[in-house]
Amino acid sequence: MPDRPLFLERASFRRRRLGDAARVLPMLAAILVLVPVWWIPAQVSFAAGAVWLFGLWAGLILAIFVLHRALRRADAATLRATQAMARDDDHAL
């Protein structure tokens, strides 16, 4: 079994978990939109509902931005690790 660097496994694991977070985010957003309607429908006025909706919208934009940057960094780390392993395999031959 060839010696594989630990950082490749860590990088690919991180990439997969970030991908999972990207898949869960829309479902989480849908649940958060409905929270005031489910829990306290009589107490949420139109104005409070609008503030909640636009605050959630702004929070989701920020979360998507952060997640996108993390995914790009994880992809770059995985690519660098894969290229390093390919170079090491070429030198071993």
PDB file of N, CA and C in Angstrom:
ATOM      1  N   MET A   1       0.844  -1.178   0.000  1.00  0.00           N
ATOM      2  CA  MET A   1       0.000   0.000   0.000  1.00  0.00           C
ATOM      3  C   MET A   1       0.888   1.240   0.000  1.00  0.00           C
ATOM      4  N   PRO A   2       0.691   2.126  -0.978  1.00  0.00           N
ATOM      5  CA  PRO A   2       1.540   3.322  -1.024  1.00  0.00           C
ATOM      6  C   PRO A   2       1.224   4.260   0.125  1.00  0.00           C
ATOM      7  N   ASP A   3       2.259   4.958   0.555  1.00  0.00           N
ATOM      8  CA  ASP A   3       2.061   5.950   1.614  1.00  0.00           C
ATOM      9  C   ASP A   3       1.382   7.169   1.015  1.00  0.00           C
ATOM     10  N   ARG A   4       0.176   7.422   1.502  1.00  0.00           N
ATOM     11  CA  ARG A   4      -0.564   8.594   1.028  1.00  0.00           C
ATOM     12  C   ARG A   4      -0.530   9.655   2.116  1.00  0.00           C
ATOM     13  N   PRO A   5      -0.367  10.902   1.716  1.00  0.00           N
ATOM     14  CA  PRO A   5      -0.332  11.955   2.730  1.00  0.00           C
ATOM     15  C   PRO A   5      -1.684  12.100   3.414  1.00  0.00           C
ATOM     16  N   LEU A   6      -1.631  12.389   4.674  1.00  0.00           N
ATOM     17  CA  LEU A   6      -2.851  12.539   5.464  1.00  0.00           C
ATOM     18  C   LEU A   6      -3.664  13.732   4.999  1.00  0.00           C
ATOM     19  N   PHE A   7      -3.000  14.791   4.518  1.00  0.00           N
ATOM     20  CA  PHE A   7      -3.737  15.994   4.147  1.00  0.00           C
ATOM     21  C   PHE A   7      -4.676  15.752   2.977  1.00  0.00           C
ATOM     22  N   LEU A   8      -4.402  14.798   2.128  1.00  0.00           N
ATOM     23  CA  LEU A   8      -5.326  14.509   1.032  1.00  0.00           C
ATOM     24  C   LEU A   8      -6.629  13.961   1.581  1.00  0.00           C
ATOM     25  N   GLU A   9      -6.535  13.048   2.512  1.00  0.00           N
ATOM     26  CA  GLU A   9      -7.749  12.496   3.083  1.00  0.00           C
ATOM     27  C   GLU A   9      -8.520  13.563   3.846  1.00  0.00           C
ATOM     28  N   ARG A  10      -7.817  14.396   4.568  1.00  0.00           N
ATOM     29  CA  ARG A  10      -8.464  15.470   5.293  1.00  0.00           C
ATOM     30  C   ARG A  10      -9.128  16.459   4.345  1.00  0.00           C
ATOM     31  N   ALA A  11      -8.434  16.789   3.257  1.00  0.00           N
ATOM     32  CA  ALA A  11      -8.972  17.751   2.290  1.00  0.00           C
ATOM     33  C   ALA A  11     -10.213  17.197   1.604  1.00  0.00           C
ATOM     34  N   SER A  12     -10.171  15.937   1.204  1.00  0.00           N
ATOM     35  CA  SER A  12     -11.345  15.371   0.538  1.00  0.00           C
ATOM     36  C   SER A  12     -12.492  15.200   1.520  1.00  0.00           C
ATOM     37  N   PHE A  13     -12.188  14.877   2.779  1.00  0.00           N
ATOM     38  CA  PHE A  13     -13.239  14.765   3.793  1.00  0.00           C
ATOM     39  C   PHE A  13     -13.891  16.127   4.020  1.00  0.00           C
ATOM     40  N   ARG A  14     -13.075  17.157   4.131  1.00  0.00           N
ATOM     41  CA  ARG A  14     -13.604  18.516   4.332  1.00  0.00           C
ATOM     42  C   ARG A  14     -14.452  18.929   3.135  1.00  0.00           C
ATOM     43  N   ARG A  15     -14.005  18.607   1.945  1.00  0.00           N
ATOM     44  CA  ARG A  15     -14.757  18.957   0.731  1.00  0.00           C
ATOM     45  C   ARG A  15     -16.125  18.266   0.733  1.00  0.00           C
ATOM     46  N   ARG A  16     -16.153  17.005   1.115  1.00  0.00           N
ATOM     47  CA  ARG A  16     -17.430  16.284   1.155  1.00  0.00           C
ATOM     48  C   ARG A  16     -18.373  16.867   2.201  1.00  0.00           C
ATOM     49  N   ARG A  17     -17.843  17.216   3.372  1.00  0.00           N
ATOM     50  CA  ARG A  17     -18.706  17.792   4.417  1.00  0.00           C
ATOM     51  C   ARG A  17     -19.229  19.160   4.010  1.00  0.00           C
ATOM     52  N   LEU A  18     -18.415  19.961   3.352  1.00  0.00           N
ATOM     53  CA  LEU A  18     -18.884  21.261   2.872  1.00  0.00           C
ATOM     54  C   LEU A  18     -19.950  21.081   1.793  1.00  0.00           C
ATOM     55  N   GLY A  19     -19.789  20.073   0.947  1.00  0.00           N
ATOM     56  CA  GLY A  19     -20.814  19.766  -0.049  1.00  0.00           C
ATOM     57  C   GLY A  19     -22.117  19.351   0.607  1.00  0.00           C
ATOM     58  N   ASP A  20     -22.012  18.579   1.678  1.00  0.00           N
ATOM     59  CA  ASP A  20     -23.219  18.201   2.428  1.00  0.00           C
ATOM     60  C   ASP A  20     -23.905  19.426   3.018  1.00  0.00           C
ATOM     61  N   ALA A  21     -23.109  20.345   3.539  1.00  0.00           N
ATOM     62  CA  ALA A  21     -23.687  21.573   4.102  1.00  0.00           C
ATOM     63  C   ALA A  21     -24.387  22.384   3.012  1.00  0.00           C
ATOM     64  N   ALA A  22     -23.821  22.409   1.812  1.00  0.00           N
ATOM     65  CA  ALA A  22     -24.447  23.132   0.701  1.00  0.00           C
ATOM     66  C   ALA A  22     -25.770  22.481   0.306  1.00  0.00           C
ATOM     67  N   ARG A  23     -25.870  21.178   0.451  1.00  0.00           N
ATOM     68  CA  ARG A  23     -27.124  20.496   0.120  1.00  0.00           C
ATOM     69  C   ARG A  23     -28.190  20.688   1.190  1.00  0.00           C
ATOM     70  N   VAL A  24     -27.781  20.852   2.429  1.00  0.00           N
ATOM     71  CA  VAL A  24     -28.729  20.999   3.541  1.00  0.00           C
ATOM     72  C   VAL A  24     -29.234  22.436   3.662  1.00  0.00           C
ATOM     73  N   LEU A  25     -28.456  23.398   3.219  1.00  0.00           N
ATOM     74  CA  LEU A  25     -28.804  24.809   3.398  1.00  0.00           C
ATOM     75  C   LEU A  25     -30.180  25.193   2.838  1.00  0.00           C
ATOM     76  N   PRO A  26     -30.583  24.765   1.645  1.00  0.00           N
ATOM     77  CA  PRO A  26     -31.927  25.126   1.174  1.00  0.00           C
ATOM     78  C   PRO A  26     -33.049  24.552   2.043  1.00  0.00           C
ATOM     79  N   MET A  27     -32.874  23.329   2.537  1.00  0.00           N
ATOM     80  CA  MET A  27     -33.895  22.749   3.413  1.00  0.00           C
ATOM     81  C   MET A  27     -33.964  23.506   4.740  1.00  0.00           C
ATOM     82  N   LEU A  28     -32.815  23.863   5.275  1.00  0.00           N
ATOM     83  CA  LEU A  28     -32.771  24.640   6.508  1.00  0.00           C
ATOM     84  C   LEU A  28     -33.439  26.001   6.306  1.00  0.00           C
ATOM     85  N   ALA A  29     -33.205  26.619   5.157  1.00  0.00           N
ATOM     86  CA  ALA A  29     -33.822  27.912   4.862  1.00  0.00           C
ATOM     87  C   ALA A  29     -35.344  27.790   4.799  1.00  0.00           C
ATOM     88  N   ALA A  30     -35.833  26.738   4.170  1.00  0.00           N
ATOM     89  CA  ALA A  30     -37.284  26.544   4.079  1.00  0.00           C
ATOM     90  C   ALA A  30     -37.893  26.360   5.467  1.00  0.00           C
ATOM     91  N   ILE A  31     -37.224  25.628   6.318  1.00  0.00           N
ATOM     92  CA  ILE A  31     -37.726  25.421   7.682  1.00  0.00           C
ATOM     93  C   ILE A  31     -37.720  26.743   8.448  1.00  0.00           C
ATOM     94  N   LEU A  32     -36.640  27.511   8.300  1.00  0.00           N
ATOM     95  CA  LEU A  32     -36.547  28.786   9.016  1.00  0.00           C
ATOM     96  C   LEU A  32     -37.572  29.812   8.528  1.00  0.00           C
ATOM     97  N   VAL A  33     -37.960  29.740   7.268  1.00  0.00           N
ATOM     98  CA  VAL A  33     -38.999  30.637   6.767  1.00  0.00           C
ATOM     99  C   VAL A  33     -40.329  30.315   7.438  1.00  0.00           C
ATOM    100  N   LEU A  34     -40.564  29.038   7.699  1.00  0.00           N
ATOM    101  CA  LEU A  34     -41.850  28.617   8.249  1.00  0.00           C
ATOM    102  C   LEU A  34     -41.920  28.641   9.777  1.00  0.00           C
ATOM    103  N   VAL A  35     -40.816  28.845  10.461  1.00  0.00           N
ATOM    104  CA  VAL A  35     -40.807  28.819  11.927  1.00  0.00           C
ATOM    105  C   VAL A  35     -41.817  29.795  12.543  1.00  0.00           C
ATOM    106  N   PRO A  36     -41.832  31.064  12.143  1.00  0.00           N
ATOM    107  CA  PRO A  36     -42.815  31.966  12.765  1.00  0.00           C
ATOM    108  C   PRO A  36     -44.259  31.548  12.473  1.00  0.00           C
ATOM    109  N   VAL A  37     -44.497  31.012  11.319  1.00  0.00           N
ATOM    110  CA  VAL A  37     -45.851  30.599  10.953  1.00  0.00           C
ATOM    111  C   VAL A  37     -46.303  29.413  11.811  1.00  0.00           C
ATOM    112  N   TRP A  38     -45.397  28.501  12.088  1.00  0.00           N
ATOM    113  CA  TRP A  38     -45.746  27.318  12.875  1.00  0.00           C
ATOM    114  C   TRP A  38     -45.867  27.626  14.362  1.00  0.00           C
ATOM    115  N   TRP A  39     -44.903  28.366  14.915  1.00  0.00           N
ATOM    116  CA  TRP A  39     -44.833  28.526  16.361  1.00  0.00           C
ATOM    117  C   TRP A  39     -45.733  29.630  16.892  1.00  0.00           C
ATOM    118  N   ILE A  40     -45.697  30.789  16.277  1.00  0.00           N
ATOM    119  CA  ILE A  40     -46.455  31.928  16.810  1.00  0.00           C
ATOM    120  C   ILE A  40     -47.166  32.672  15.682  1.00  0.00           C
ATOM    121  N   PRO A  41     -48.110  32.045  15.005  1.00  0.00           N
ATOM    122  CA  PRO A  41     -48.733  32.721  13.858  1.00  0.00           C
ATOM    123  C   PRO A  41     -49.551  33.949  14.253  1.00  0.00           C
ATOM    124  N   ALA A  42     -50.164  33.948  15.411  1.00  0.00           N
ATOM    125  CA  ALA A  42     -50.996  35.091  15.809  1.00  0.00           C
ATOM    126  C   ALA A  42     -50.155  36.294  16.230  1.00  0.00           C
ATOM    127  N   GLN A  43     -48.945  36.059  16.713  1.00  0.00           N
ATOM    128  CA  GLN A  43     -48.116  37.148  17.225  1.00  0.00           C
ATOM    129  C   GLN A  43     -47.209  37.765  16.169  1.00  0.00           C
ATOM    130  N   VAL A  44     -47.076  37.116  15.033  1.00  0.00           N
ATOM    131  CA  VAL A  44     -46.200  37.643  13.985  1.00  0.00           C
ATOM    132  C   VAL A  44     -47.032  38.526  13.070  1.00  0.00           C
ATOM    133  N   SER A  45     -46.787  39.806  13.154  1.00  0.00           N
ATOM    134  CA  SER A  45     -47.500  40.751  12.292  1.00  0.00           C
ATOM    135  C   SER A  45     -46.862  40.744  10.906  1.00  0.00           C
ATOM    136  N   PHE A  46     -47.460  41.484  10.017  1.00  0.00           N
ATOM    137  CA  PHE A  46     -46.908  41.579   8.673  1.00  0.00           C
ATOM    138  C   PHE A  46     -45.511  42.190   8.700  1.00  0.00           C
ATOM    139  N   ALA A  47     -45.333  43.226   9.511  1.00  0.00           N
ATOM    140  CA  ALA A  47     -44.028  43.897   9.590  1.00  0.00           C
ATOM    141  C   ALA A  47     -42.978  42.972  10.210  1.00  0.00           C
ATOM    142  N   ALA A  48     -43.335  42.299  11.286  1.00  0.00           N
ATOM    143  CA  ALA A  48     -42.380  41.379  11.922  1.00  0.00           C
ATOM    144  C   ALA A  48     -42.041  40.224  10.983  1.00  0.00           C
ATOM    145  N   GLY A  49     -43.028  39.749  10.240  1.00  0.00           N
ATOM    146  CA  GLY A  49     -42.772  38.686   9.266  1.00  0.00           C
ATOM    147  C   GLY A  49     -41.848  39.145   8.158  1.00  0.00           C
ATOM    148  N   ALA A  50     -42.015  40.382   7.720  1.00  0.00           N
ATOM    149  CA  ALA A  50     -41.152  40.928   6.675  1.00  0.00           C
ATOM    150  C   ALA A  50     -39.721  41.093   7.187  1.00  0.00           C
ATOM    151  N   VAL A  51     -39.592  41.580   8.416  1.00  0.00           N
ATOM    152  CA  VAL A  51     -38.252  41.722   9.004  1.00  0.00           C
ATOM    153  C   VAL A  51     -37.594  40.348   9.134  1.00  0.00           C
ATOM    154  N   TRP A  52     -38.338  39.360   9.596  1.00  0.00           N
ATOM    155  CA  TRP A  52     -37.811  37.992   9.724  1.00  0.00           C
ATOM    156  C   TRP A  52     -37.382  37.464   8.353  1.00  0.00           C
ATOM    157  N   LEU A  53     -38.232  37.635   7.355  1.00  0.00           N
ATOM    158  CA  LEU A  53     -37.946  37.106   6.022  1.00  0.00           C
ATOM    159  C   LEU A  53     -36.713  37.760   5.410  1.00  0.00           C
ATOM    160  N   PHE A  54     -36.621  39.083   5.474  1.00  0.00           N
ATOM    161  CA  PHE A  54     -35.473  39.756   4.878  1.00  0.00           C
ATOM    162  C   PHE A  54     -34.199  39.566   5.708  1.00  0.00           C
ATOM    163  N   GLY A  55     -34.334  39.442   7.009  1.00  0.00           N
ATOM    164  CA  GLY A  55     -33.170  39.114   7.835  1.00  0.00           C
ATOM    165  C   GLY A  55     -32.649  37.719   7.518  1.00  0.00           C
ATOM    166  N   LEU A  56     -33.567  36.791   7.355  1.00  0.00           N
ATOM    167  CA  LEU A  56     -33.185  35.427   6.971  1.00  0.00           C
ATOM    168  C   LEU A  56     -32.547  35.424   5.592  1.00  0.00           C
ATOM    169  N   TRP A  57     -33.103  36.192   4.686  1.00  0.00           N
ATOM    170  CA  TRP A  57     -32.573  36.287   3.336  1.00  0.00           C
ATOM    171  C   TRP A  57     -31.135  36.811   3.363  1.00  0.00           C
ATOM    172  N   ALA A  58     -30.885  37.860   4.137  1.00  0.00           N
ATOM    173  CA  ALA A  58     -29.534  38.414   4.254  1.00  0.00           C
ATOM    174  C   ALA A  58     -28.584  37.408   4.906  1.00  0.00           C
ATOM    175  N   GLY A  59     -29.073  36.702   5.922  1.00  0.00           N
ATOM    176  CA  GLY A  59     -28.249  35.674   6.565  1.00  0.00           C
ATOM    177  C   GLY A  59     -27.906  34.539   5.621  1.00  0.00           C
ATOM    178  N   LEU A  60     -28.848  34.162   4.784  1.00  0.00           N
ATOM    179  CA  LEU A  60     -28.587  33.099   3.805  1.00  0.00           C
ATOM    180  C   LEU A  60     -27.574  33.541   2.756  1.00  0.00           C
ATOM    181  N   ILE A  61     -27.658  34.790   2.339  1.00  0.00           N
ATOM    182  CA  ILE A  61     -26.668  35.297   1.386  1.00  0.00           C
ATOM    183  C   ILE A  61     -25.273  35.225   1.999  1.00  0.00           C
ATOM    184  N   LEU A  62     -25.153  35.637   3.237  1.00  0.00           N
ATOM    185  CA  LEU A  62     -23.867  35.577   3.927  1.00  0.00           C
ATOM    186  C   LEU A  62     -23.391  34.127   4.088  1.00  0.00           C
ATOM    187  N   ALA A  63     -24.292  33.229   4.475  1.00  0.00           N
ATOM    188  CA  ALA A  63     -23.931  31.819   4.645  1.00  0.00           C
ATOM    189  C   ALA A  63     -23.486  31.199   3.324  1.00  0.00           C
ATOM    190  N   ILE A  64     -24.176  31.525   2.243  1.00  0.00           N
ATOM    191  CA  ILE A  64     -23.801  30.990   0.933  1.00  0.00           C
ATOM    192  C   ILE A  64     -22.441  31.536   0.505  1.00  0.00           C
ATOM    193  N   PHE A  65     -22.186  32.806   0.775  1.00  0.00           N
ATOM    194  CA  PHE A  65     -20.896  33.395   0.439  1.00  0.00           C
ATOM    195  C   PHE A  65     -19.757  32.689   1.179  1.00  0.00           C
ATOM    196  N   VAL A  66     -19.936  32.508   2.471  1.00  0.00           N
ATOM    197  CA  VAL A  66     -18.908  31.839   3.287  1.00  0.00           C
ATOM    198  C   VAL A  66     -18.719  30.385   2.838  1.00  0.00           C
ATOM    199  N   LEU A  67     -19.809  29.695   2.595  1.00  0.00           N
ATOM    200  CA  LEU A  67     -19.741  28.301   2.157  1.00  0.00           C
ATOM    201  C   LEU A  67     -19.078  28.185   0.789  1.00  0.00           C
ATOM    202  N   HIS A  68     -19.380  29.106  -0.102  1.00  0.00           N
ATOM    203  CA  HIS A  68     -18.775  29.086  -1.436  1.00  0.00           C
ATOM    204  C   HIS A  68     -17.259  29.276  -1.352  1.00  0.00           C
ATOM    205  N   ARG A  69     -16.836  30.232  -0.543  1.00  0.00           N
ATOM    206  CA  ARG A  69     -15.388  30.449  -0.389  1.00  0.00           C
ATOM    207  C   ARG A  69     -14.704  29.227   0.211  1.00  0.00           C
ATOM    208  N   ALA A  70     -15.343  28.615   1.203  1.00  0.00           N
ATOM    209  CA  ALA A  70     -14.759  27.418   1.824  1.00  0.00           C
ATOM    210  C   ALA A  70     -14.692  26.264   0.832  1.00  0.00           C
ATOM    211  N   LEU A  71     -15.720  26.117   0.007  1.00  0.00           N
ATOM    212  CA  LEU A  71     -15.713  25.055  -1.001  1.00  0.00           C
ATOM    213  C   LEU A  71     -14.618  25.283  -2.034  1.00  0.00           C
ATOM    214  N   ARG A  72     -14.421  26.525  -2.445  1.00  0.00           N
ATOM    215  CA  ARG A  72     -13.351  26.808  -3.415  1.00  0.00           C
ATOM    216  C   ARG A  72     -11.980  26.501  -2.826  1.00  0.00           C
ATOM    217  N   ARG A  73     -11.778  26.865  -1.544  1.00  0.00           N
ATOM    218  CA  ARG A  73     -10.492  26.555  -0.903  1.00  0.00           C
ATOM    219  C   ARG A  73     -10.303  25.051  -0.759  1.00  0.00           C
ATOM    220  N   ALA A  74     -11.371  24.332  -0.405  1.00  0.00           N
ATOM    221  CA  ALA A  74     -11.275  22.882  -0.251  1.00  0.00           C
ATOM    222  C   ALA A  74     -11.006  22.216  -1.597  1.00  0.00           C
ATOM    223  N   ASP A  75     -11.638  22.709  -2.661  1.00  0.00           N
ATOM    224  CA  ASP A  75     -11.369  22.163  -3.997  1.00  0.00           C
ATOM    225  C   ASP A  75      -9.917  22.392  -4.394  1.00  0.00           C
ATOM    226  N   ALA A  76      -9.407  23.572  -4.124  1.00  0.00           N
ATOM    227  CA  ALA A  76      -8.020  23.885  -4.467  1.00  0.00           C
ATOM    228  C   ALA A  76      -7.062  23.001  -3.669  1.00  0.00           C
ATOM    229  N   ALA A  77      -7.346  22.777  -2.394  1.00  0.00           N
ATOM    230  CA  ALA A  77      -6.482  21.927  -1.572  1.00  0.00           C
ATOM    231  C   ALA A  77      -6.523  20.487  -2.061  1.00  0.00           C
ATOM    232  N   THR A  78      -7.689  20.007  -2.429  1.00  0.00           N
ATOM    233  CA  THR A  78      -7.808  18.638  -2.946  1.00  0.00           C
ATOM    234  C   THR A  78      -7.068  18.506  -4.266  1.00  0.00           C
ATOM    235  N   LEU A  79      -7.189  19.502  -5.137  1.00  0.00           N
ATOM    236  CA  LEU A  79      -6.490  19.470  -6.422  1.00  0.00           C
ATOM    237  C   LEU A  79      -4.983  19.490  -6.227  1.00  0.00           C
ATOM    238  N   ARG A  80      -4.492  20.360  -5.329  1.00  0.00           N
ATOM    239  CA  ARG A  80      -3.048  20.402  -5.061  1.00  0.00           C
ATOM    240  C   ARG A  80      -2.548  19.076  -4.513  1.00  0.00           C
ATOM    241  N   ALA A  81      -3.319  18.475  -3.613  1.00  0.00           N
ATOM    242  CA  ALA A  81      -2.904  17.201  -3.027  1.00  0.00           C
ATOM    243  C   ALA A  81      -2.895  16.101  -4.080  1.00  0.00           C
ATOM    244  N   THR A  82      -3.877  16.096  -4.956  1.00  0.00           N
ATOM    245  CA  THR A  82      -3.935  15.092  -6.017  1.00  0.00           C
ATOM    246  C   THR A  82      -2.775  15.256  -6.978  1.00  0.00           C
ATOM    247  N   GLN A  83      -2.457  16.495  -7.335  1.00  0.00           N
ATOM    248  CA  GLN A  83      -1.326  16.747  -8.226  1.00  0.00           C
ATOM    249  C   GLN A  83      -0.015  16.359  -7.565  1.00  0.00           C
ATOM    250  N   ALA A  84       0.121  16.630  -6.273  1.00  0.00           N
ATOM    251  CA  ALA A  84       1.337  16.250  -5.556  1.00  0.00           C
ATOM    252  C   ALA A  84       1.486  14.733  -5.525  1.00  0.00           C
ATOM    253  N   MET A  85       0.390  14.037  -5.320  1.00  0.00           N
ATOM    254  CA  MET A  85       0.459  12.571  -5.320  1.00  0.00           C
ATOM    255  C   MET A  85       0.814  12.042  -6.697  1.00  0.00           C
ATOM    256  N   ALA A  86       0.290  12.661  -7.750  1.00  0.00           N
ATOM    257  CA  ALA A  86       0.607  12.232  -9.108  1.00  0.00           C
ATOM    258  C   ALA A  86       2.093  12.453  -9.408  1.00  0.00           C
ATOM    259  N   ARG A  87       2.623  13.596  -8.962  1.00  0.00           N
ATOM    260  CA  ARG A  87       4.054  13.842  -9.162  1.00  0.00           C
ATOM    261  C   ARG A  87       4.888  12.834  -8.384  1.00  0.00           C
ATOM    262  N   ASP A  88       4.487  12.530  -7.153  1.00  0.00           N
ATOM    263  CA  ASP A  88       5.222  11.552  -6.352  1.00  0.00           C
ATOM    264  C   ASP A  88       5.177  10.179  -6.992  1.00  0.00           C
ATOM    265  N   ASP A  89       4.031   9.813  -7.553  1.00  0.00           N
ATOM    266  CA  ASP A  89       3.927   8.513  -8.235  1.00  0.00           C
ATOM    267  C   ASP A  89       4.791   8.473  -9.476  1.00  0.00           C
ATOM    268  N   ASP A  90       4.892   9.609 -10.211  1.00  0.00           N
ATOM    269  CA  ASP A  90       5.730   9.655 -11.410  1.00  0.00           C
ATOM    270  C   ASP A  90       7.210   9.537 -11.039  1.00  0.00           C
ATOM    271  N   HIS A  91       7.603  10.166  -9.933  1.00  0.00           N
ATOM    272  CA  HIS A  91       9.006  10.106  -9.510  1.00  0.00           C
ATOM    273  C   HIS A  91       9.363   8.736  -8.954  1.00  0.00           C
ATOM    274  N   ALA A  92       8.394   8.031  -8.432  1.00  0.00           N
ATOM    275  CA  ALA A  92       8.660   6.715  -7.849  1.00  0.00           C
ATOM    276  C   ALA A  92       8.936   5.675  -8.938  1.00  0.00           C
ATOM    277  N   LEU A  93       8.427   5.939 -10.133  1.00  0.00           N
ATOM    278  CA  LEU A  93       8.621   4.974 -11.222  1.00  0.00           C
ATOM    279  C   LEU A  93       9.972   5.064 -11.771  1.00  0.00           C
TER     280      LEU A  93
END
